């Protein structure tokens, strides 16, 4: 079974602010799970208005201790890779993320896009599609997929909440309507 999530949210803030906030949001005091981000590669093409970044996020292992009895799952940190393409001219930020840790046993992928809202050019639409496919773990597969599904849904809502808080701090106003 593959666990998927599709999510859409409108930030009532302009795209440049939302994109900059996304690209600089970690680490922060609002989320202790992500404790370090390293830029592995960055290319800027001023003529085309493109800014490409490949980054690794180092996260706390949040798998419950009962599941960490399996030595494979008992690692201190998880590493996720994010590729980001910011296009200044067309006004969008595209992202692709995947897991580095446990890549032989599970694949986590997310594709996200931040773009100008059709309803208001000063707002930004965030759309995300994510999936997790766990394989090669025998009877633990089903249990881990249930856990992963809950975590991915919790994670996207938490990320939006953190983004809204950071955006409000930067812009001096509240933009979160839930």
N, C-alpha and C. Protein backbone atom coordinates (compact mmCIF):
# COMPACT_ATOMS: atom_id res chain seq x y z
N UNK A 1 0.84 -1.18 0.00
CA UNK A 1 0.00 0.00 0.00
C UNK A 1 0.89 1.25 0.00
N UNK A 2 0.51 2.21 -0.79
CA UNK A 2 1.20 3.49 -0.85
C UNK A 2 0.33 4.52 -0.13
N UNK A 3 0.93 5.26 0.79
CA UNK A 3 0.23 6.31 1.52
C UNK A 3 0.43 7.61 0.75
N UNK A 4 -0.69 8.32 0.47
CA UNK A 4 -0.57 9.58 -0.28
C UNK A 4 -1.29 10.70 0.45
N UNK A 5 -0.90 11.91 0.12
CA UNK A 5 -1.58 13.09 0.63
C UNK A 5 -1.56 14.15 -0.47
N UNK A 6 -2.68 14.81 -0.63
CA UNK A 6 -2.78 15.97 -1.50
C UNK A 6 -3.29 17.11 -0.64
N UNK A 7 -2.64 18.25 -0.75
CA UNK A 7 -2.94 19.36 0.16
C UNK A 7 -2.85 20.66 -0.61
N UNK A 8 -3.74 21.60 -0.26
CA UNK A 8 -3.72 22.93 -0.87
C UNK A 8 -4.01 23.95 0.22
N UNK A 9 -3.28 25.06 0.18
CA UNK A 9 -3.46 26.13 1.16
C UNK A 9 -3.14 27.46 0.49
N UNK A 10 -3.85 28.50 0.88
CA UNK A 10 -3.58 29.84 0.37
C UNK A 10 -2.97 30.67 1.49
N UNK A 11 -1.77 31.17 1.24
CA UNK A 11 -1.11 32.10 2.15
C UNK A 11 -1.51 33.50 1.70
N UNK A 12 -2.02 34.31 2.60
CA UNK A 12 -2.44 35.67 2.25
C UNK A 12 -1.25 36.62 2.36
N UNK A 13 -0.21 36.22 1.65
CA UNK A 13 1.05 36.97 1.60
C UNK A 13 1.60 36.83 0.18
N UNK A 14 2.40 37.81 -0.28
CA UNK A 14 2.95 37.75 -1.63
C UNK A 14 3.99 36.62 -1.79
N UNK A 15 4.06 36.12 -3.01
CA UNK A 15 4.95 34.99 -3.31
C UNK A 15 6.41 35.22 -2.92
N UNK A 16 7.02 36.38 -3.19
CA UNK A 16 8.42 36.53 -2.80
C UNK A 16 8.65 36.32 -1.30
N UNK A 17 7.75 36.82 -0.47
CA UNK A 17 7.87 36.65 0.98
C UNK A 17 7.65 35.19 1.37
N UNK A 18 6.67 34.53 0.76
CA UNK A 18 6.39 33.13 1.08
C UNK A 18 7.56 32.25 0.65
N UNK A 19 8.09 32.47 -0.55
CA UNK A 19 9.22 31.68 -1.05
C UNK A 19 10.45 31.87 -0.15
N UNK A 20 10.77 33.10 0.18
CA UNK A 20 11.93 33.38 1.04
C UNK A 20 11.74 32.74 2.42
N UNK A 21 10.52 32.79 2.93
CA UNK A 21 10.24 32.19 4.24
C UNK A 21 10.39 30.68 4.19
N UNK A 22 9.88 30.07 3.12
CA UNK A 22 10.04 28.61 3.00
C UNK A 22 11.52 28.23 2.95
N UNK A 23 12.29 28.95 2.16
CA UNK A 23 13.69 28.58 1.95
C UNK A 23 14.58 28.87 3.15
N UNK A 24 14.07 29.62 4.13
CA UNK A 24 14.89 29.95 5.31
C UNK A 24 14.24 29.52 6.62
N UNK A 25 13.16 28.75 6.57
CA UNK A 25 12.38 28.48 7.79
C UNK A 25 13.05 27.53 8.77
N UNK A 26 13.95 26.69 8.32
CA UNK A 26 14.61 25.75 9.24
C UNK A 26 16.08 26.05 9.33
N UNK A 27 16.67 25.80 10.47
CA UNK A 27 16.04 25.43 11.74
C UNK A 27 15.39 26.64 12.40
N UNK A 28 14.42 26.38 13.29
CA UNK A 28 13.76 27.43 14.04
C UNK A 28 13.26 26.88 15.37
N UNK A 29 12.86 27.77 16.26
CA UNK A 29 12.40 27.37 17.59
C UNK A 29 11.00 26.77 17.56
N UNK A 30 10.29 26.89 16.45
CA UNK A 30 8.93 26.39 16.35
C UNK A 30 8.86 24.90 16.02
N UNK A 31 9.97 24.34 15.55
CA UNK A 31 10.01 22.93 15.17
C UNK A 31 11.38 22.36 15.51
N UNK A 32 11.42 21.59 16.58
CA UNK A 32 12.68 21.01 17.03
C UNK A 32 13.08 19.77 16.22
N UNK A 33 12.14 19.24 15.39
CA UNK A 33 12.46 18.03 14.62
C UNK A 33 13.55 18.29 13.59
N UNK A 34 13.52 19.46 12.94
CA UNK A 34 14.53 19.79 11.94
C UNK A 34 15.59 20.62 12.65
N UNK A 35 16.76 20.02 12.84
CA UNK A 35 17.78 20.73 13.62
C UNK A 35 18.93 21.27 12.79
N UNK A 36 18.99 20.92 11.49
CA UNK A 36 20.06 21.45 10.65
C UNK A 36 19.66 21.32 9.18
N UNK A 37 20.03 22.32 8.39
CA UNK A 37 19.84 22.27 6.94
C UNK A 37 21.16 22.66 6.29
N UNK A 38 21.59 21.84 5.35
CA UNK A 38 22.83 22.12 4.61
C UNK A 38 22.52 22.28 3.13
N UNK A 39 23.05 23.34 2.54
CA UNK A 39 22.92 23.50 1.09
C UNK A 39 24.04 22.70 0.45
N UNK A 40 23.64 21.73 -0.37
CA UNK A 40 24.59 20.84 -1.04
C UNK A 40 25.03 21.44 -2.38
N UNK A 41 24.08 22.13 -3.03
CA UNK A 41 24.36 22.70 -4.34
C UNK A 41 23.47 23.92 -4.54
N UNK A 42 24.01 24.96 -5.19
CA UNK A 42 23.21 26.13 -5.52
C UNK A 42 23.71 26.72 -6.83
N UNK A 43 22.76 26.98 -7.73
CA UNK A 43 23.08 27.59 -9.02
C UNK A 43 22.09 28.73 -9.25
N UNK A 44 22.63 29.88 -9.64
CA UNK A 44 21.78 31.03 -9.93
C UNK A 44 22.05 31.46 -11.37
N UNK A 45 20.98 31.59 -12.14
CA UNK A 45 21.05 32.06 -13.52
C UNK A 45 20.27 33.37 -13.58
N UNK A 46 20.99 34.48 -13.48
CA UNK A 46 20.34 35.79 -13.42
C UNK A 46 19.59 36.11 -14.72
N UNK A 47 20.13 35.69 -15.85
CA UNK A 47 19.48 35.99 -17.14
C UNK A 47 18.11 35.33 -17.22
N UNK A 48 18.00 34.11 -16.73
CA UNK A 48 16.73 33.39 -16.77
C UNK A 48 15.89 33.61 -15.51
N UNK A 49 16.47 34.23 -14.50
CA UNK A 49 15.75 34.47 -13.25
C UNK A 49 15.53 33.21 -12.44
N UNK A 50 16.46 32.26 -12.54
CA UNK A 50 16.32 30.97 -11.85
C UNK A 50 17.31 30.85 -10.70
N UNK A 51 16.81 30.32 -9.59
CA UNK A 51 17.63 30.04 -8.40
C UNK A 51 17.34 28.58 -8.03
N UNK A 52 18.35 27.73 -8.21
CA UNK A 52 18.22 26.29 -7.90
C UNK A 52 19.00 25.99 -6.63
N UNK A 53 18.38 25.20 -5.74
CA UNK A 53 19.05 24.78 -4.51
C UNK A 53 18.75 23.30 -4.27
N UNK A 54 19.79 22.59 -3.87
CA UNK A 54 19.62 21.21 -3.39
C UNK A 54 20.13 21.21 -1.96
N UNK A 55 19.22 20.83 -1.03
CA UNK A 55 19.56 20.91 0.39
C UNK A 55 19.23 19.61 1.09
N UNK A 56 19.94 19.35 2.16
CA UNK A 56 19.64 18.22 3.04
C UNK A 56 19.15 18.78 4.37
N UNK A 57 18.04 18.23 4.84
CA UNK A 57 17.50 18.57 6.15
C UNK A 57 17.78 17.40 7.09
N UNK A 58 18.32 17.69 8.23
CA UNK A 58 18.63 16.68 9.24
C UNK A 58 17.56 16.78 10.33
N UNK A 59 16.85 15.69 10.54
CA UNK A 59 15.67 15.68 11.41
C UNK A 59 15.82 14.65 12.51
N UNK A 60 15.19 14.92 13.65
CA UNK A 60 15.12 13.94 14.73
C UNK A 60 14.34 12.72 14.25
N UNK A 61 14.73 11.56 14.70
CA UNK A 61 13.99 10.34 14.41
C UNK A 61 12.78 10.30 15.34
N UNK A 62 11.59 10.38 14.75
CA UNK A 62 10.37 10.43 15.56
C UNK A 62 9.65 9.08 15.60
N UNK A 63 10.27 8.05 15.09
CA UNK A 63 9.65 6.73 15.15
C UNK A 63 9.54 6.30 16.61
N UNK A 64 8.37 5.80 17.02
CA UNK A 64 8.19 5.40 18.42
C UNK A 64 9.22 4.35 18.87
N UNK A 65 9.58 4.41 20.15
CA UNK A 65 10.59 3.50 20.70
C UNK A 65 10.24 2.04 20.49
N UNK A 66 8.97 1.69 20.53
CA UNK A 66 8.57 0.30 20.35
C UNK A 66 9.01 -0.21 18.97
N UNK A 67 8.92 0.65 17.95
CA UNK A 67 9.36 0.26 16.61
C UNK A 67 10.88 0.32 16.46
N UNK A 68 11.52 1.10 17.30
CA UNK A 68 12.99 1.21 17.23
C UNK A 68 13.68 -0.03 17.77
N UNK A 69 12.91 -0.98 18.26
CA UNK A 69 13.50 -2.25 18.68
C UNK A 69 14.09 -2.97 17.47
N UNK A 70 13.60 -2.63 16.28
CA UNK A 70 14.19 -3.12 15.04
C UNK A 70 15.40 -2.24 14.77
N UNK A 71 16.58 -2.83 14.77
CA UNK A 71 17.83 -2.04 14.70
C UNK A 71 17.87 -1.11 13.49
N UNK A 72 17.31 -1.52 12.38
CA UNK A 72 17.30 -0.70 11.18
C UNK A 72 16.61 0.65 11.44
N UNK A 73 15.58 0.65 12.27
CA UNK A 73 14.81 1.87 12.54
C UNK A 73 15.39 2.71 13.66
N UNK A 74 16.37 2.18 14.37
CA UNK A 74 16.95 2.86 15.52
C UNK A 74 18.16 3.70 15.11
N UNK A 75 17.88 4.77 14.38
CA UNK A 75 18.93 5.71 13.98
C UNK A 75 18.65 7.04 14.67
N UNK A 76 19.70 7.81 14.89
CA UNK A 76 19.55 9.07 15.62
C UNK A 76 18.86 10.14 14.79
N UNK A 77 19.24 10.25 13.52
CA UNK A 77 18.70 11.31 12.68
C UNK A 77 18.23 10.77 11.34
N UNK A 78 17.30 11.50 10.75
CA UNK A 78 16.80 11.19 9.42
C UNK A 78 17.26 12.30 8.49
N UNK A 79 17.62 11.94 7.27
CA UNK A 79 18.06 12.93 6.29
C UNK A 79 17.07 12.96 5.14
N UNK A 80 16.60 14.16 4.82
CA UNK A 80 15.70 14.38 3.70
C UNK A 80 16.39 15.33 2.73
N UNK A 81 16.18 15.11 1.45
CA UNK A 81 16.74 15.99 0.43
C UNK A 81 15.62 16.79 -0.23
N UNK A 82 15.87 18.08 -0.41
CA UNK A 82 14.92 18.95 -1.10
C UNK A 82 15.63 19.64 -2.25
N UNK A 83 14.99 19.62 -3.40
CA UNK A 83 15.44 20.41 -4.53
C UNK A 83 14.42 21.52 -4.73
N UNK A 84 14.90 22.73 -4.94
CA UNK A 84 14.01 23.89 -5.09
C UNK A 84 14.41 24.67 -6.33
N UNK A 85 13.40 25.04 -7.13
CA UNK A 85 13.58 25.86 -8.31
C UNK A 85 12.72 27.10 -8.15
N UNK A 86 13.35 28.23 -7.89
CA UNK A 86 12.65 29.50 -7.76
C UNK A 86 12.80 30.25 -9.08
N UNK A 87 11.66 30.56 -9.72
CA UNK A 87 11.67 31.30 -10.97
C UNK A 87 11.11 32.69 -10.69
N UNK A 88 11.97 33.66 -10.67
CA UNK A 88 11.59 35.03 -10.37
C UNK A 88 10.66 35.59 -11.45
N UNK A 89 10.95 35.28 -12.72
CA UNK A 89 10.18 35.85 -13.83
C UNK A 89 8.74 35.33 -13.88
N UNK A 90 8.57 34.03 -13.73
CA UNK A 90 7.21 33.47 -13.83
C UNK A 90 6.50 33.46 -12.48
N UNK A 91 7.22 33.71 -11.42
CA UNK A 91 6.61 33.81 -10.11
C UNK A 91 6.13 32.49 -9.53
N UNK A 92 7.02 31.52 -9.48
CA UNK A 92 6.66 30.29 -8.79
C UNK A 92 7.91 29.64 -8.19
N UNK A 93 7.65 28.82 -7.19
CA UNK A 93 8.68 28.02 -6.54
C UNK A 93 8.23 26.58 -6.61
N UNK A 94 9.03 25.73 -7.23
CA UNK A 94 8.73 24.30 -7.32
C UNK A 94 9.72 23.55 -6.44
N UNK A 95 9.22 22.52 -5.78
CA UNK A 95 10.05 21.74 -4.86
C UNK A 95 9.84 20.25 -5.09
N UNK A 96 10.90 19.51 -4.91
CA UNK A 96 10.82 18.04 -4.87
C UNK A 96 11.64 17.59 -3.67
N UNK A 97 11.06 16.71 -2.86
CA UNK A 97 11.74 16.21 -1.67
C UNK A 97 11.71 14.69 -1.69
N UNK A 98 12.73 14.11 -1.06
CA UNK A 98 12.78 12.65 -0.94
C UNK A 98 13.62 12.29 0.28
N UNK A 99 13.42 11.07 0.74
CA UNK A 99 14.21 10.61 1.88
C UNK A 99 15.56 10.06 1.41
N UNK A 100 16.59 10.32 2.20
CA UNK A 100 17.91 9.72 2.00
C UNK A 100 18.03 8.52 2.95
N UNK A 101 17.66 8.75 4.21
CA UNK A 101 17.67 7.67 5.20
C UNK A 101 16.64 6.62 4.79
N UNK A 102 17.00 5.39 4.90
CA UNK A 102 16.13 4.22 4.61
C UNK A 102 15.67 4.14 3.17
N UNK A 103 16.39 4.76 2.24
CA UNK A 103 15.96 4.77 0.84
C UNK A 103 15.83 3.36 0.26
N UNK A 104 16.57 2.40 0.78
CA UNK A 104 16.46 1.01 0.29
C UNK A 104 15.19 0.33 0.78
N UNK A 105 14.53 0.88 1.79
CA UNK A 105 13.38 0.23 2.41
C UNK A 105 12.09 1.01 2.26
N UNK A 106 12.20 2.30 2.02
CA UNK A 106 11.01 3.14 1.90
C UNK A 106 11.32 4.32 1.00
N UNK A 107 10.32 4.75 0.26
CA UNK A 107 10.51 5.96 -0.53
C UNK A 107 9.44 6.96 -0.14
N UNK A 108 9.92 8.13 0.24
CA UNK A 108 9.05 9.25 0.58
C UNK A 108 9.35 10.31 -0.48
N UNK A 109 8.31 10.80 -1.10
CA UNK A 109 8.52 11.87 -2.06
C UNK A 109 7.40 12.88 -1.94
N UNK A 110 7.76 14.13 -2.15
CA UNK A 110 6.80 15.22 -2.15
C UNK A 110 7.11 16.13 -3.33
N UNK A 111 6.07 16.58 -3.97
CA UNK A 111 6.19 17.60 -5.00
C UNK A 111 5.30 18.75 -4.57
N UNK A 112 5.88 19.93 -4.51
CA UNK A 112 5.15 21.10 -4.03
C UNK A 112 5.35 22.25 -4.99
N UNK A 113 4.38 23.16 -4.95
CA UNK A 113 4.47 24.36 -5.77
C UNK A 113 3.86 25.53 -5.02
N UNK A 114 4.56 26.65 -5.05
CA UNK A 114 4.05 27.92 -4.56
C UNK A 114 3.88 28.80 -5.80
N UNK A 115 2.69 29.38 -5.97
CA UNK A 115 2.43 30.22 -7.14
C UNK A 115 1.48 31.35 -6.75
N UNK A 116 1.45 32.39 -7.60
CA UNK A 116 0.51 33.49 -7.37
C UNK A 116 -0.92 32.95 -7.40
N UNK A 117 -1.76 33.46 -6.54
CA UNK A 117 -3.17 33.09 -6.51
C UNK A 117 -3.91 33.77 -7.66
N UNK A 118 -4.82 33.04 -8.30
CA UNK A 118 -5.65 33.63 -9.34
C UNK A 118 -6.66 34.61 -8.74
N UNK A 119 -7.00 34.41 -7.46
CA UNK A 119 -7.98 35.27 -6.78
C UNK A 119 -7.40 36.61 -6.35
N UNK A 120 -6.10 36.62 -6.03
CA UNK A 120 -5.46 37.83 -5.54
C UNK A 120 -3.96 37.70 -5.81
N UNK A 121 -3.39 38.58 -6.63
CA UNK A 121 -1.97 38.46 -6.97
C UNK A 121 -1.02 38.65 -5.78
N UNK A 122 -1.54 39.16 -4.67
CA UNK A 122 -0.72 39.33 -3.48
C UNK A 122 -0.81 38.13 -2.54
N UNK A 123 -1.52 37.10 -2.96
CA UNK A 123 -1.61 35.86 -2.19
C UNK A 123 -0.85 34.77 -2.92
N UNK A 124 -0.51 33.72 -2.18
CA UNK A 124 0.27 32.62 -2.73
C UNK A 124 -0.45 31.30 -2.47
N UNK A 125 -0.61 30.51 -3.52
CA UNK A 125 -1.22 29.20 -3.41
C UNK A 125 -0.11 28.16 -3.25
N UNK A 126 -0.26 27.32 -2.23
CA UNK A 126 0.66 26.23 -1.97
C UNK A 126 -0.07 24.93 -2.26
N UNK A 127 0.50 24.10 -3.13
CA UNK A 127 -0.07 22.79 -3.43
C UNK A 127 1.01 21.74 -3.22
N UNK A 128 0.62 20.62 -2.61
CA UNK A 128 1.58 19.57 -2.33
C UNK A 128 0.96 18.20 -2.58
N UNK A 129 1.74 17.35 -3.20
CA UNK A 129 1.37 15.94 -3.36
C UNK A 129 2.52 15.14 -2.77
N UNK A 130 2.21 14.27 -1.85
CA UNK A 130 3.24 13.45 -1.23
C UNK A 130 2.84 11.99 -1.20
N UNK A 131 3.85 11.13 -1.17
CA UNK A 131 3.56 9.70 -1.04
C UNK A 131 4.71 9.00 -0.33
N UNK A 132 4.31 7.96 0.37
CA UNK A 132 5.28 7.11 1.07
C UNK A 132 4.98 5.68 0.67
N UNK A 133 6.01 4.97 0.26
CA UNK A 133 5.89 3.57 -0.10
C UNK A 133 6.94 2.79 0.68
N UNK A 134 6.49 1.95 1.59
CA UNK A 134 7.40 1.16 2.41
C UNK A 134 7.41 -0.26 1.87
N UNK A 135 8.60 -0.79 1.70
CA UNK A 135 8.74 -2.13 1.14
C UNK A 135 9.90 -2.85 1.82
N UNK A 136 9.97 -4.11 1.67
CA UNK A 136 11.09 -4.93 2.17
C UNK A 136 11.20 -4.98 3.69
N UNK A 137 10.13 -4.71 4.40
CA UNK A 137 10.20 -4.79 5.86
C UNK A 137 9.23 -5.83 6.44
N UNK A 138 8.77 -6.72 5.60
CA UNK A 138 7.95 -7.83 6.06
C UNK A 138 6.71 -7.41 6.81
N UNK A 139 6.45 -8.06 7.96
CA UNK A 139 5.22 -7.77 8.70
C UNK A 139 5.15 -6.36 9.29
N UNK A 140 6.28 -5.68 9.38
CA UNK A 140 6.27 -4.30 9.90
C UNK A 140 5.76 -3.29 8.87
N UNK A 141 5.71 -3.68 7.62
CA UNK A 141 5.35 -2.75 6.55
C UNK A 141 4.01 -2.06 6.81
N UNK A 142 2.98 -2.83 7.08
CA UNK A 142 1.65 -2.25 7.30
C UNK A 142 1.61 -1.30 8.47
N UNK A 143 2.24 -1.68 9.57
CA UNK A 143 2.27 -0.83 10.77
C UNK A 143 3.01 0.47 10.49
N UNK A 144 4.13 0.38 9.79
CA UNK A 144 4.90 1.58 9.47
C UNK A 144 4.15 2.48 8.49
N UNK A 145 3.39 1.90 7.58
CA UNK A 145 2.62 2.71 6.65
C UNK A 145 1.52 3.50 7.37
N UNK A 146 0.86 2.87 8.33
CA UNK A 146 -0.15 3.58 9.12
C UNK A 146 0.49 4.74 9.87
N UNK A 147 1.62 4.48 10.51
CA UNK A 147 2.35 5.52 11.24
C UNK A 147 2.79 6.63 10.28
N UNK A 148 3.34 6.25 9.13
CA UNK A 148 3.82 7.22 8.15
C UNK A 148 2.68 8.10 7.64
N UNK A 149 1.52 7.51 7.41
CA UNK A 149 0.38 8.28 6.94
C UNK A 149 -0.02 9.35 7.93
N UNK A 150 -0.04 8.99 9.21
CA UNK A 150 -0.39 9.97 10.23
C UNK A 150 0.66 11.08 10.32
N UNK A 151 1.93 10.69 10.23
CA UNK A 151 3.02 11.67 10.34
C UNK A 151 3.02 12.63 9.15
N UNK A 152 2.81 12.11 7.94
CA UNK A 152 2.85 12.99 6.77
C UNK A 152 1.69 14.00 6.81
N UNK A 153 0.51 13.57 7.26
CA UNK A 153 -0.63 14.49 7.37
C UNK A 153 -0.40 15.51 8.48
N UNK A 154 0.11 15.06 9.61
CA UNK A 154 0.43 15.97 10.71
C UNK A 154 1.51 16.95 10.26
N UNK A 155 2.53 16.44 9.55
CA UNK A 155 3.66 17.26 9.13
C UNK A 155 3.28 18.40 8.21
N UNK A 156 2.40 18.15 7.24
CA UNK A 156 2.03 19.21 6.31
C UNK A 156 1.22 20.29 7.03
N UNK A 157 0.35 19.92 7.94
CA UNK A 157 -0.41 20.92 8.70
C UNK A 157 0.51 21.72 9.63
N UNK A 158 1.47 21.03 10.24
CA UNK A 158 2.42 21.70 11.12
C UNK A 158 3.29 22.68 10.32
N UNK A 159 3.72 22.27 9.14
CA UNK A 159 4.54 23.14 8.30
C UNK A 159 3.78 24.40 7.91
N UNK A 160 2.51 24.25 7.54
CA UNK A 160 1.71 25.42 7.18
C UNK A 160 1.54 26.34 8.39
N UNK A 161 1.30 25.76 9.56
CA UNK A 161 1.15 26.58 10.77
C UNK A 161 2.44 27.36 11.04
N UNK A 162 3.58 26.70 10.94
CA UNK A 162 4.87 27.36 11.16
C UNK A 162 5.09 28.45 10.13
N UNK A 163 4.80 28.14 8.87
CA UNK A 163 4.95 29.15 7.81
C UNK A 163 4.08 30.37 8.09
N UNK A 164 2.83 30.14 8.49
CA UNK A 164 1.93 31.26 8.78
C UNK A 164 2.47 32.10 9.94
N UNK A 165 2.98 31.44 10.98
CA UNK A 165 3.54 32.18 12.11
C UNK A 165 4.75 33.01 11.67
N UNK A 166 5.64 32.40 10.90
CA UNK A 166 6.83 33.12 10.43
C UNK A 166 6.45 34.27 9.51
N UNK A 167 5.49 34.03 8.62
CA UNK A 167 5.03 35.10 7.71
C UNK A 167 4.41 36.25 8.49
N UNK A 168 3.62 35.92 9.50
CA UNK A 168 3.00 36.97 10.32
C UNK A 168 4.06 37.79 11.04
N UNK A 169 5.09 37.12 11.55
CA UNK A 169 6.18 37.82 12.21
C UNK A 169 6.91 38.75 11.24
N UNK A 170 7.15 38.28 10.02
CA UNK A 170 7.88 39.07 9.05
C UNK A 170 7.06 40.23 8.50
N UNK A 171 5.76 40.01 8.33
CA UNK A 171 4.93 41.04 7.72
C UNK A 171 4.21 41.90 8.76
N UNK A 172 4.21 41.46 10.02
CA UNK A 172 3.56 42.22 11.07
C UNK A 172 2.05 42.10 11.09
N UNK A 173 1.52 41.05 10.41
CA UNK A 173 0.06 40.85 10.43
C UNK A 173 -0.25 39.37 10.46
N UNK A 174 -1.46 39.05 10.82
CA UNK A 174 -1.91 37.65 10.84
C UNK A 174 -2.47 37.29 9.48
N UNK A 175 -2.03 36.14 8.95
CA UNK A 175 -2.55 35.69 7.66
C UNK A 175 -3.14 34.31 7.73
N UNK A 176 -3.32 33.76 8.91
CA UNK A 176 -3.78 32.38 9.04
C UNK A 176 -5.27 32.34 9.31
N UNK A 177 -5.99 31.80 8.38
CA UNK A 177 -7.44 31.60 8.54
C UNK A 177 -7.70 30.11 8.45
N UNK A 178 -8.16 29.51 9.54
CA UNK A 178 -8.46 28.08 9.46
C UNK A 178 -9.87 27.81 9.89
